[in-house]
Amino acid sequence: QVHLVESGGGLVQAGGSLRLSCAASGSTGTLSTMAWYRQAPGKPRELVATISRSGSANYEDSVKGRFTISRDSAKNAVYLQMNSLRPEDTAVYYCHAASVFHSNYWGQGTQVTVSS
């Protein structure tokens, strides 16, 4: 079992930056790909960025060049640096982890609000 806890959300003006953190605990040795998702009001949850165990990252098109996902295996943590934030980035951001046994784990979410 793996427990994920996000932090770092908040209110920021357009053009500003935030850094989200996700701390994993439990059977962290089984984790493979980790990711950030987001869900805006009235919209489905969408994938924002993924990072493999080797550090290979992929991004959703609208965040490319603005967001950076990183991972610290020693700390069992994954981060999302968000720059040049836009009002349309407003959402609840969720940390996700997949295990090598194909289990999926979710954090409780952290609210990011970008004002115009």
C-alpha atoms as a PDB file:
ATOM      1  CA  GLN A   1       0.000   0.000   0.000  1.00  0.00           C
ATOM      2  CA  VAL A   2       1.169   3.523  -0.825  1.00  0.00           C
ATOM      3  CA  HIS A   3      -0.040   6.793   0.674  1.00  0.00           C
ATOM      4  CA  LEU A   4       0.356  10.055  -1.263  1.00  0.00           C
ATOM      5  CA  VAL A   5       0.128  13.535   0.237  1.00  0.00           C
ATOM      6  CA  GLU A   6       0.202  16.673  -1.905  1.00  0.00           C
ATOM      7  CA  SER A   7       1.113  20.174  -0.790  1.00  0.00           C
ATOM      8  CA  GLY A   8       1.977  23.531  -2.295  1.00  0.00           C
ATOM      9  CA  GLY A   9      -1.291  24.655  -3.835  1.00  0.00           C
ATOM     10  CA  GLY A  10      -2.712  28.108  -3.345  1.00  0.00           C
ATOM     11  CA  LEU A  11      -3.837  31.340  -4.943  1.00  0.00           C
ATOM     12  CA  VAL A  12      -1.543  33.087  -7.409  1.00  0.00           C
ATOM     13  CA  GLN A  13      -1.902  35.828  -9.999  1.00  0.00           C
ATOM     14  CA  ALA A  14      -1.639  35.065 -13.686  1.00  0.00           C
ATOM     15  CA  GLY A  15       1.988  34.873 -14.721  1.00  0.00           C
ATOM     16  CA  GLY A  16       3.053  33.655 -11.301  1.00  0.00           C
ATOM     17  CA  SER A  17       4.559  30.384 -10.155  1.00  0.00           C
ATOM     18  CA  LEU A  18       3.786  27.578  -7.744  1.00  0.00           C
ATOM     19  CA  ARG A  19       5.583  24.377  -6.840  1.00  0.00           C
ATOM     20  CA  LEU A  20       3.537  21.337  -5.918  1.00  0.00           C
ATOM     21  CA  SER A  21       5.010  18.510  -3.898  1.00  0.00           C
ATOM     22  CA  CYS A  22       3.833  14.955  -3.424  1.00  0.00           C
ATOM     23  CA  ALA A  23       5.281  12.781  -0.676  1.00  0.00           C
ATOM     24  CA  ALA A  24       4.877   9.032  -0.914  1.00  0.00           C
ATOM     25  CA  SER A  25       4.985   6.629   2.008  1.00  0.00           C
ATOM     26  CA  GLY A  26       4.446   2.913   2.463  1.00  0.00           C
ATOM     27  CA  SER A  27       5.574   0.414  -0.173  1.00  0.00           C
ATOM     28  CA  THR A  28       7.400   3.044  -2.201  1.00  0.00           C
ATOM     29  CA  GLY A  29       9.879   0.528  -3.602  1.00  0.00           C
ATOM     30  CA  THR A  30       7.126  -0.818  -5.834  1.00  0.00           C
ATOM     31  CA  LEU A  31       6.395   2.508  -7.523  1.00  0.00           C
ATOM     32  CA  SER A  32       6.992   2.955 -11.228  1.00  0.00           C
ATOM     33  CA  THR A  33       5.526   5.916 -13.121  1.00  0.00           C
ATOM     34  CA  MET A  34       4.342   8.918 -11.128  1.00  0.00           C
ATOM     35  CA  ALA A  35       2.182  11.686 -12.476  1.00  0.00           C
ATOM     36  CA  TRP A  36       0.197  14.830 -11.870  1.00  0.00           C
ATOM     37  CA  TYR A  37      -3.419  15.149 -12.946  1.00  0.00           C
ATOM     38  CA  ARG A  38      -5.824  18.039 -12.573  1.00  0.00           C
ATOM     39  CA  GLN A  39      -9.559  18.506 -12.522  1.00  0.00           C
ATOM     40  CA  ALA A  40     -11.291  21.812 -13.105  1.00  0.00           C
ATOM     41  CA  PRO A  41     -14.926  22.347 -12.044  1.00  0.00           C
ATOM     42  CA  GLY A  42     -17.309  20.625 -14.428  1.00  0.00           C
ATOM     43  CA  LYS A  43     -14.518  18.993 -16.389  1.00  0.00           C
ATOM     44  CA  PRO A  44     -13.039  15.495 -16.386  1.00  0.00           C
ATOM     45  CA  ARG A  45      -9.739  14.781 -14.706  1.00  0.00           C
ATOM     46  CA  GLU A  46      -6.864  15.238 -17.143  1.00  0.00           C
ATOM     47  CA  LEU A  47      -3.264  14.144 -17.221  1.00  0.00           C
ATOM     48  CA  VAL A  48      -0.779  16.991 -16.817  1.00  0.00           C
ATOM     49  CA  ALA A  49       2.627  15.319 -16.668  1.00  0.00           C
ATOM     50  CA  THR A  50       4.253  11.938 -16.060  1.00  0.00           C
ATOM     51  CA  ILE A  51       7.695  10.850 -14.992  1.00  0.00           C
ATOM     52  CA  SER A  52       9.163   7.370 -15.126  1.00  0.00           C
ATOM     53  CA  ARG A  53      11.501   5.748 -12.612  1.00  0.00           C
ATOM     54  CA  SER A  54      14.397   6.680 -14.881  1.00  0.00           C
ATOM     55  CA  GLY A  55      13.296  10.311 -14.967  1.00  0.00           C
ATOM     56  CA  SER A  56      11.798  10.436 -18.447  1.00  0.00           C
ATOM     57  CA  ALA A  57       9.054  13.080 -18.482  1.00  0.00           C
ATOM     58  CA  ASN A  58       6.061  13.784 -20.689  1.00  0.00           C
ATOM     59  CA  TYR A  59       3.666  16.711 -20.675  1.00  0.00           C
ATOM     60  CA  GLU A  60       0.203  17.631 -21.829  1.00  0.00           C
ATOM     61  CA  ASP A  61       0.477  20.094 -24.701  1.00  0.00           C
ATOM     62  CA  SER A  62      -0.939  23.140 -22.901  1.00  0.00           C
ATOM     63  CA  VAL A  63       1.694  22.978 -20.128  1.00  0.00           C
ATOM     64  CA  LYS A  64       4.768  22.237 -22.232  1.00  0.00           C
ATOM     65  CA  GLY A  65       7.444  24.845 -21.640  1.00  0.00           C
ATOM     66  CA  ARG A  66       5.692  26.131 -18.505  1.00  0.00           C
ATOM     67  CA  PHE A  67       5.530  23.152 -16.137  1.00  0.00           C
ATOM     68  CA  THR A  68       8.345  20.849 -15.065  1.00  0.00           C
ATOM     69  CA  ILE A  69       7.875  17.511 -13.330  1.00  0.00           C
ATOM     70  CA  SER A  70      10.722  16.088 -11.279  1.00  0.00           C
ATOM     71  CA  ARG A  71      11.295  13.186  -8.956  1.00  0.00           C
ATOM     72  CA  ASP A  72      13.488  12.551  -5.948  1.00  0.00           C
ATOM     73  CA  SER A  73      13.630   8.808  -5.400  1.00  0.00           C
ATOM     74  CA  ALA A  74      15.649   9.166  -2.207  1.00  0.00           C
ATOM     75  CA  LYS A  75      12.861  11.252  -0.684  1.00  0.00           C
ATOM     76  CA  ASN A  76      10.047   9.296  -2.369  1.00  0.00           C
ATOM     77  CA  ALA A  77       8.713  12.556  -3.724  1.00  0.00           C
ATOM     78  CA  VAL A  78       7.547  14.040  -6.998  1.00  0.00           C
ATOM     79  CA  TYR A  79       7.260  17.722  -7.753  1.00  0.00           C
ATOM     80  CA  LEU A  80       5.518  19.952 -10.279  1.00  0.00           C
ATOM     81  CA  GLN A  81       7.064  23.364 -10.891  1.00  0.00           C
ATOM     82  CA  MET A  82       4.439  25.546 -12.536  1.00  0.00           C
ATOM     83  CA  ASN A  83       5.523  28.819 -14.153  1.00  0.00           C
ATOM     84  CA  SER A  84       3.670  31.386 -16.256  1.00  0.00           C
ATOM     85  CA  LEU A  85       0.404  30.256 -14.713  1.00  0.00           C
ATOM     86  CA  ARG A  86      -2.846  31.077 -16.506  1.00  0.00           C
ATOM     87  CA  PRO A  87      -6.409  31.284 -15.206  1.00  0.00           C
ATOM     88  CA  GLU A  88      -7.201  28.123 -17.176  1.00  0.00           C
ATOM     89  CA  ASP A  89      -4.682  26.238 -15.012  1.00  0.00           C
ATOM     90  CA  THR A  90      -7.091  26.633 -12.094  1.00  0.00           C
ATOM     91  CA  ALA A  91      -7.998  23.154 -10.851  1.00  0.00           C
ATOM     92  CA  VAL A  92      -7.519  20.615  -8.119  1.00  0.00           C
ATOM     93  CA  TYR A  93      -4.186  18.924  -8.778  1.00  0.00           C
ATOM     94  CA  TYR A  94      -3.773  15.263  -7.897  1.00  0.00           C
ATOM     95  CA  CYS A  95      -0.659  13.179  -7.491  1.00  0.00           C
ATOM     96  CA  HIS A  96      -0.828   9.686  -8.954  1.00  0.00           C
ATOM     97  CA  ALA A  97       1.484   6.712  -8.629  1.00  0.00           C
ATOM     98  CA  ALA A  98       1.446   3.372 -10.367  1.00  0.00           C
ATOM     99  CA  SER A  99       3.128   0.318  -8.959  1.00  0.00           C
ATOM    100  CA  VAL A 100       4.996  -2.431 -10.762  1.00  0.00           C
ATOM    101  CA  PHE A 101       2.076  -4.653  -9.741  1.00  0.00           C
ATOM    102  CA  HIS A 102      -0.339  -2.408 -11.675  1.00  0.00           C
ATOM    103  CA  SER A 103      -1.922  -0.854  -8.612  1.00  0.00           C
ATOM    104  CA  ASN A 104      -2.885   2.811  -8.758  1.00  0.00           C
ATOM    105  CA  TYR A 105      -2.693   5.312  -5.942  1.00  0.00           C
ATOM    106  CA  TRP A 106      -4.057   8.853  -5.644  1.00  0.00           C
ATOM    107  CA  GLY A 107      -3.447  11.743  -3.313  1.00  0.00           C
ATOM    108  CA  GLN A 108      -6.251  13.813  -1.843  1.00  0.00           C
ATOM    109  CA  GLY A 109      -5.617  16.763  -4.170  1.00  0.00           C
ATOM    110  CA  THR A 110      -4.463  20.328  -3.708  1.00  0.00           C
ATOM    111  CA  GLN A 111      -6.281  23.393  -5.018  1.00  0.00           C
ATOM    112  CA  VAL A 112      -4.518  25.742  -7.423  1.00  0.00           C
ATOM    113  CA  THR A 113      -6.313  28.982  -8.230  1.00  0.00           C
ATOM    114  CA  VAL A 114      -4.923  31.456 -10.762  1.00  0.00           C
ATOM    115  CA  SER A 115      -6.506  34.896 -10.785  1.00  0.00           C
ATOM    116  CA  SER A 116      -6.576  37.086 -13.884  1.00  0.00           C
END
